[in-house]
N, C-alpha and C. Protein backbone atom coordinates (compact mmCIF):
# COMPACT_ATOMS: atom_id res chain seq x y z
N MET A 1 12.78 -2.63 -18.98
CA MET A 1 12.25 -2.41 -17.66
C MET A 1 10.88 -3.07 -17.50
N ARG A 2 10.07 -2.99 -18.56
CA ARG A 2 8.72 -3.55 -18.46
C ARG A 2 8.76 -5.04 -18.17
N ALA A 3 9.66 -5.75 -18.86
CA ALA A 3 9.74 -7.20 -18.66
C ALA A 3 10.22 -7.55 -17.26
N LEU A 4 11.05 -6.69 -16.69
CA LEU A 4 11.61 -6.97 -15.37
C LEU A 4 10.65 -6.57 -14.25
N PHE A 5 10.07 -5.37 -14.32
CA PHE A 5 9.28 -4.86 -13.21
C PHE A 5 7.77 -4.93 -13.43
N GLY A 6 7.32 -5.04 -14.67
CA GLY A 6 5.88 -5.11 -14.93
C GLY A 6 5.20 -6.24 -14.18
N PRO A 7 5.68 -7.49 -14.31
CA PRO A 7 5.04 -8.59 -13.59
C PRO A 7 5.11 -8.44 -12.06
N ARG A 8 6.23 -7.90 -11.57
CA ARG A 8 6.35 -7.69 -10.12
C ARG A 8 5.33 -6.68 -9.62
N LEU A 9 5.16 -5.58 -10.38
CA LEU A 9 4.19 -4.57 -9.98
C LEU A 9 2.77 -5.10 -10.05
N GLU A 10 2.46 -5.85 -11.10
CA GLU A 10 1.11 -6.41 -11.24
C GLU A 10 0.81 -7.40 -10.12
N ARG A 11 1.80 -8.22 -9.78
CA ARG A 11 1.63 -9.18 -8.69
C ARG A 11 1.46 -8.44 -7.35
N ALA A 12 2.24 -7.40 -7.14
CA ALA A 12 2.12 -6.61 -5.91
C ALA A 12 0.75 -5.95 -5.82
N LEU A 13 0.22 -5.49 -6.95
CA LEU A 13 -1.11 -4.89 -6.96
C LEU A 13 -2.17 -5.92 -6.60
N GLU A 14 -2.07 -7.12 -7.16
CA GLU A 14 -3.02 -8.19 -6.83
C GLU A 14 -2.96 -8.54 -5.34
N GLU A 15 -1.76 -8.67 -4.80
CA GLU A 15 -1.60 -8.99 -3.39
C GLU A 15 -2.15 -7.89 -2.50
N THR A 16 -1.92 -6.64 -2.88
CA THR A 16 -2.42 -5.51 -2.09
C THR A 16 -3.95 -5.48 -2.13
N ASN A 17 -4.53 -5.69 -3.30
CA ASN A 17 -6.00 -5.72 -3.40
C ASN A 17 -6.58 -6.84 -2.54
N ALA A 18 -5.95 -8.01 -2.56
CA ALA A 18 -6.43 -9.14 -1.75
C ALA A 18 -6.33 -8.81 -0.26
N GLU A 19 -5.26 -8.16 0.14
CA GLU A 19 -5.09 -7.79 1.55
C GLU A 19 -6.12 -6.74 1.97
N ILE A 20 -6.44 -5.80 1.08
CA ILE A 20 -7.48 -4.80 1.38
C ILE A 20 -8.82 -5.48 1.59
N GLU A 21 -9.16 -6.43 0.73
CA GLU A 21 -10.41 -7.17 0.87
C GLU A 21 -10.43 -7.97 2.17
N ALA A 22 -9.31 -8.57 2.53
CA ALA A 22 -9.24 -9.35 3.76
C ALA A 22 -9.40 -8.47 5.00
N GLN A 23 -9.01 -7.22 4.90
CA GLN A 23 -9.10 -6.30 6.04
C GLN A 23 -10.52 -5.78 6.27
N ALA A 24 -11.42 -5.98 5.34
CA ALA A 24 -12.76 -5.41 5.44
C ALA A 24 -13.45 -5.78 6.76
N ALA A 25 -13.31 -7.00 7.21
CA ALA A 25 -13.96 -7.43 8.44
C ALA A 25 -13.34 -6.78 9.67
N ASN A 26 -12.06 -6.47 9.61
CA ASN A 26 -11.36 -5.90 10.77
C ASN A 26 -11.67 -4.42 11.00
N VAL A 27 -12.18 -3.74 10.00
CA VAL A 27 -12.45 -2.31 10.16
C VAL A 27 -13.94 -2.03 10.37
N ALA A 28 -14.73 -3.08 10.53
CA ALA A 28 -16.17 -2.91 10.76
C ALA A 28 -16.39 -2.20 12.09
N PRO A 29 -17.50 -1.46 12.21
CA PRO A 29 -17.79 -0.76 13.47
C PRO A 29 -17.88 -1.72 14.65
N VAL A 30 -17.42 -1.25 15.79
CA VAL A 30 -17.47 -2.04 17.03
C VAL A 30 -18.88 -1.93 17.61
N GLU A 31 -19.44 -3.07 17.99
CA GLU A 31 -20.79 -3.09 18.56
C GLU A 31 -20.81 -2.35 19.89
N LEU A 32 -21.92 -1.68 20.18
CA LEU A 32 -22.08 -0.90 21.41
C LEU A 32 -22.83 -1.68 22.48
N ASP A 33 -23.07 -2.94 22.29
CA ASP A 33 -23.83 -3.77 23.23
C ASP A 33 -23.03 -3.97 24.51
N GLN A 34 -23.40 -3.27 25.58
CA GLN A 34 -22.71 -3.36 26.85
C GLN A 34 -22.98 -4.69 27.58
N GLN A 35 -24.04 -5.38 27.21
CA GLN A 35 -24.37 -6.64 27.87
C GLN A 35 -23.42 -7.76 27.44
N SER A 36 -23.06 -7.79 26.18
CA SER A 36 -22.24 -8.91 25.68
C SER A 36 -20.74 -8.61 25.76
N VAL A 37 -20.38 -7.34 25.78
CA VAL A 37 -18.97 -6.97 25.81
C VAL A 37 -18.76 -5.96 26.93
N GLY A 38 -17.81 -6.22 27.80
CA GLY A 38 -17.50 -5.27 28.87
C GLY A 38 -16.81 -4.05 28.33
N ARG A 39 -16.69 -3.04 29.18
CA ARG A 39 -16.10 -1.78 28.76
C ARG A 39 -14.66 -1.95 28.31
N LEU A 40 -13.86 -2.70 29.05
CA LEU A 40 -12.46 -2.89 28.68
C LEU A 40 -12.34 -3.72 27.40
N SER A 41 -13.19 -4.73 27.25
CA SER A 41 -13.16 -5.53 26.03
C SER A 41 -13.54 -4.68 24.83
N ARG A 42 -14.50 -3.79 25.03
CA ARG A 42 -14.91 -2.90 23.94
C ARG A 42 -13.79 -1.94 23.58
N MET A 43 -13.08 -1.45 24.61
CA MET A 43 -11.95 -0.55 24.34
C MET A 43 -10.86 -1.28 23.57
N ASP A 44 -10.61 -2.54 23.93
CA ASP A 44 -9.64 -3.34 23.18
C ASP A 44 -10.08 -3.51 21.73
N ALA A 45 -11.37 -3.77 21.54
CA ALA A 45 -11.90 -3.94 20.19
C ALA A 45 -11.78 -2.65 19.39
N MET A 46 -12.02 -1.52 20.05
CA MET A 46 -11.91 -0.22 19.37
C MET A 46 -10.46 0.07 18.99
N GLN A 47 -9.52 -0.31 19.88
CA GLN A 47 -8.11 -0.11 19.57
C GLN A 47 -7.69 -0.99 18.40
N ALA A 48 -8.14 -2.24 18.40
CA ALA A 48 -7.83 -3.15 17.29
C ALA A 48 -8.42 -2.62 16.00
N GLN A 49 -9.62 -2.05 16.09
CA GLN A 49 -10.27 -1.48 14.89
C GLN A 49 -9.45 -0.29 14.38
N ALA A 50 -8.99 0.57 15.27
CA ALA A 50 -8.20 1.74 14.85
C ALA A 50 -6.89 1.30 14.19
N MET A 51 -6.25 0.27 14.73
CA MET A 51 -5.03 -0.22 14.12
C MET A 51 -5.31 -0.84 12.76
N ALA A 52 -6.43 -1.54 12.63
CA ALA A 52 -6.81 -2.14 11.34
C ALA A 52 -7.11 -1.04 10.32
N GLN A 53 -7.74 0.04 10.76
CA GLN A 53 -8.04 1.15 9.85
C GLN A 53 -6.75 1.82 9.38
N ALA A 54 -5.79 1.98 10.28
CA ALA A 54 -4.51 2.59 9.89
C ALA A 54 -3.79 1.69 8.89
N TYR A 55 -3.83 0.38 9.13
CA TYR A 55 -3.21 -0.57 8.21
C TYR A 55 -3.89 -0.52 6.84
N GLU A 56 -5.21 -0.41 6.85
CA GLU A 56 -5.96 -0.32 5.59
C GLU A 56 -5.58 0.95 4.83
N ARG A 57 -5.41 2.07 5.53
CA ARG A 57 -4.98 3.31 4.87
C ARG A 57 -3.61 3.14 4.23
N ARG A 58 -2.68 2.45 4.93
CA ARG A 58 -1.35 2.21 4.36
C ARG A 58 -1.45 1.32 3.13
N LEU A 59 -2.31 0.31 3.19
CA LEU A 59 -2.49 -0.57 2.03
C LEU A 59 -3.04 0.19 0.83
N LYS A 60 -4.02 1.07 1.08
CA LYS A 60 -4.60 1.85 -0.01
C LYS A 60 -3.58 2.83 -0.60
N ALA A 61 -2.73 3.40 0.25
CA ALA A 61 -1.68 4.29 -0.25
C ALA A 61 -0.67 3.49 -1.09
N GLN A 62 -0.36 2.28 -0.64
CA GLN A 62 0.54 1.42 -1.42
C GLN A 62 -0.08 1.07 -2.77
N LYS A 63 -1.38 0.81 -2.77
CA LYS A 63 -2.08 0.49 -4.02
C LYS A 63 -1.96 1.65 -5.01
N VAL A 64 -2.14 2.86 -4.53
CA VAL A 64 -2.03 4.04 -5.39
C VAL A 64 -0.61 4.17 -5.93
N ARG A 65 0.40 3.93 -5.08
CA ARG A 65 1.80 4.01 -5.53
C ARG A 65 2.07 2.98 -6.63
N ILE A 66 1.55 1.77 -6.46
CA ILE A 66 1.76 0.72 -7.46
C ILE A 66 1.05 1.07 -8.76
N GLU A 67 -0.18 1.59 -8.65
CA GLU A 67 -0.93 1.97 -9.86
C GLU A 67 -0.20 3.09 -10.61
N HIS A 68 0.35 4.05 -9.88
CA HIS A 68 1.11 5.13 -10.52
C HIS A 68 2.36 4.57 -11.21
N ALA A 69 3.02 3.61 -10.56
CA ALA A 69 4.20 3.00 -11.16
C ALA A 69 3.83 2.27 -12.46
N LEU A 70 2.70 1.57 -12.45
CA LEU A 70 2.26 0.88 -13.67
C LEU A 70 1.92 1.88 -14.78
N THR A 71 1.34 3.02 -14.40
CA THR A 71 1.04 4.08 -15.37
C THR A 71 2.32 4.64 -15.97
N ARG A 72 3.33 4.89 -15.10
CA ARG A 72 4.62 5.38 -15.59
C ARG A 72 5.29 4.35 -16.49
N LEU A 73 5.14 3.07 -16.14
CA LEU A 73 5.72 2.00 -16.94
C LEU A 73 5.10 1.98 -18.34
N ALA A 74 3.78 2.10 -18.40
CA ALA A 74 3.08 2.09 -19.70
C ALA A 74 3.45 3.32 -20.53
N ALA A 75 3.73 4.44 -19.87
CA ALA A 75 4.07 5.68 -20.58
C ALA A 75 5.55 5.76 -20.93
N GLY A 76 6.33 4.79 -20.49
CA GLY A 76 7.77 4.82 -20.76
C GLY A 76 8.54 5.74 -19.83
N GLU A 77 7.93 6.14 -18.72
CA GLU A 77 8.58 7.05 -17.78
C GLU A 77 9.05 6.33 -16.52
N TYR A 78 8.85 5.03 -16.46
CA TYR A 78 9.21 4.26 -15.26
C TYR A 78 10.74 4.21 -15.13
N GLY A 79 11.20 4.32 -13.89
CA GLY A 79 12.64 4.25 -13.63
C GLY A 79 13.31 5.60 -13.58
N TYR A 80 12.53 6.66 -13.80
CA TYR A 80 13.07 8.01 -13.74
C TYR A 80 12.40 8.77 -12.60
N CYS A 81 13.18 9.55 -11.89
CA CYS A 81 12.71 10.31 -10.74
C CYS A 81 11.67 11.34 -11.17
N THR A 82 10.57 11.41 -10.44
CA THR A 82 9.51 12.37 -10.76
C THR A 82 9.89 13.79 -10.31
N GLU A 83 10.93 13.91 -9.48
CA GLU A 83 11.36 15.23 -9.02
C GLU A 83 12.41 15.84 -9.94
N CYS A 84 13.51 15.10 -10.15
CA CYS A 84 14.64 15.66 -10.90
C CYS A 84 14.80 15.08 -12.30
N GLY A 85 14.12 13.98 -12.58
CA GLY A 85 14.20 13.37 -13.90
C GLY A 85 15.37 12.42 -14.10
N GLU A 86 16.24 12.31 -13.10
CA GLU A 86 17.37 11.39 -13.19
C GLU A 86 16.89 9.94 -13.07
N GLU A 87 17.71 9.04 -13.55
CA GLU A 87 17.37 7.62 -13.48
C GLU A 87 17.43 7.13 -12.02
N ILE A 88 16.44 6.34 -11.63
CA ILE A 88 16.41 5.75 -10.29
C ILE A 88 17.29 4.51 -10.33
N GLY A 89 18.11 4.34 -9.32
CA GLY A 89 19.02 3.20 -9.26
C GLY A 89 18.29 1.86 -9.27
N MET A 90 18.89 0.90 -9.94
CA MET A 90 18.28 -0.43 -10.06
C MET A 90 18.11 -1.09 -8.70
N ARG A 91 19.07 -0.90 -7.79
CA ARG A 91 18.95 -1.48 -6.45
C ARG A 91 17.75 -0.91 -5.72
N ARG A 92 17.50 0.39 -5.89
CA ARG A 92 16.33 1.01 -5.24
C ARG A 92 15.04 0.42 -5.80
N LEU A 93 14.99 0.24 -7.11
CA LEU A 93 13.79 -0.35 -7.71
C LEU A 93 13.62 -1.81 -7.34
N ASP A 94 14.73 -2.52 -7.14
CA ASP A 94 14.64 -3.91 -6.67
C ASP A 94 14.00 -3.97 -5.29
N ILE A 95 14.36 -3.03 -4.43
CA ILE A 95 13.81 -3.00 -3.07
C ILE A 95 12.36 -2.55 -3.09
N ASP A 96 12.06 -1.49 -3.84
CA ASP A 96 10.71 -0.94 -3.91
C ASP A 96 10.39 -0.62 -5.37
N PRO A 97 9.75 -1.55 -6.09
CA PRO A 97 9.46 -1.32 -7.50
C PRO A 97 8.52 -0.13 -7.74
N ALA A 98 7.81 0.32 -6.71
CA ALA A 98 6.89 1.45 -6.87
C ALA A 98 7.56 2.78 -6.55
N ALA A 99 8.87 2.77 -6.29
CA ALA A 99 9.58 4.01 -5.98
C ALA A 99 9.47 4.98 -7.15
N HIS A 100 9.22 6.24 -6.84
CA HIS A 100 9.08 7.24 -7.90
C HIS A 100 10.08 8.37 -7.77
N ARG A 101 10.95 8.28 -6.77
CA ARG A 101 12.00 9.28 -6.59
C ARG A 101 13.34 8.58 -6.42
N CYS A 102 14.37 9.24 -6.86
CA CYS A 102 15.73 8.72 -6.65
C CYS A 102 16.10 8.90 -5.18
N VAL A 103 17.20 8.31 -4.78
CA VAL A 103 17.63 8.39 -3.39
C VAL A 103 17.86 9.83 -2.97
N ARG A 104 18.46 10.62 -3.85
CA ARG A 104 18.77 12.01 -3.51
C ARG A 104 17.50 12.83 -3.26
N CYS A 105 16.46 12.62 -4.06
CA CYS A 105 15.22 13.40 -3.91
C CYS A 105 14.30 12.84 -2.82
N ALA A 106 14.47 11.58 -2.51
CA ALA A 106 13.63 10.98 -1.48
C ALA A 106 14.01 11.54 -0.13
């Protein structure tokens, strides 16, 4: 399992970290300067900021899932459901290598 999913998980972690860093500019506070930005433009900027923050939260949650999968892989527990202990199907792991529950428990 390590040879098959280890590199995929490590690559996914690198990509997720890069995406989190790229999002840093999008979640910056919106300026309150009414002279340079109209009220509607500011509202659009605030909405874009809120969407960027939600995306950043999803990325950080994905990062945690990947890190947990790598921890399970190192401990020899990868590929087994954290709820029931049964083996997670290979097709499920192909789709989501960070999956920690089998289809039945998910």
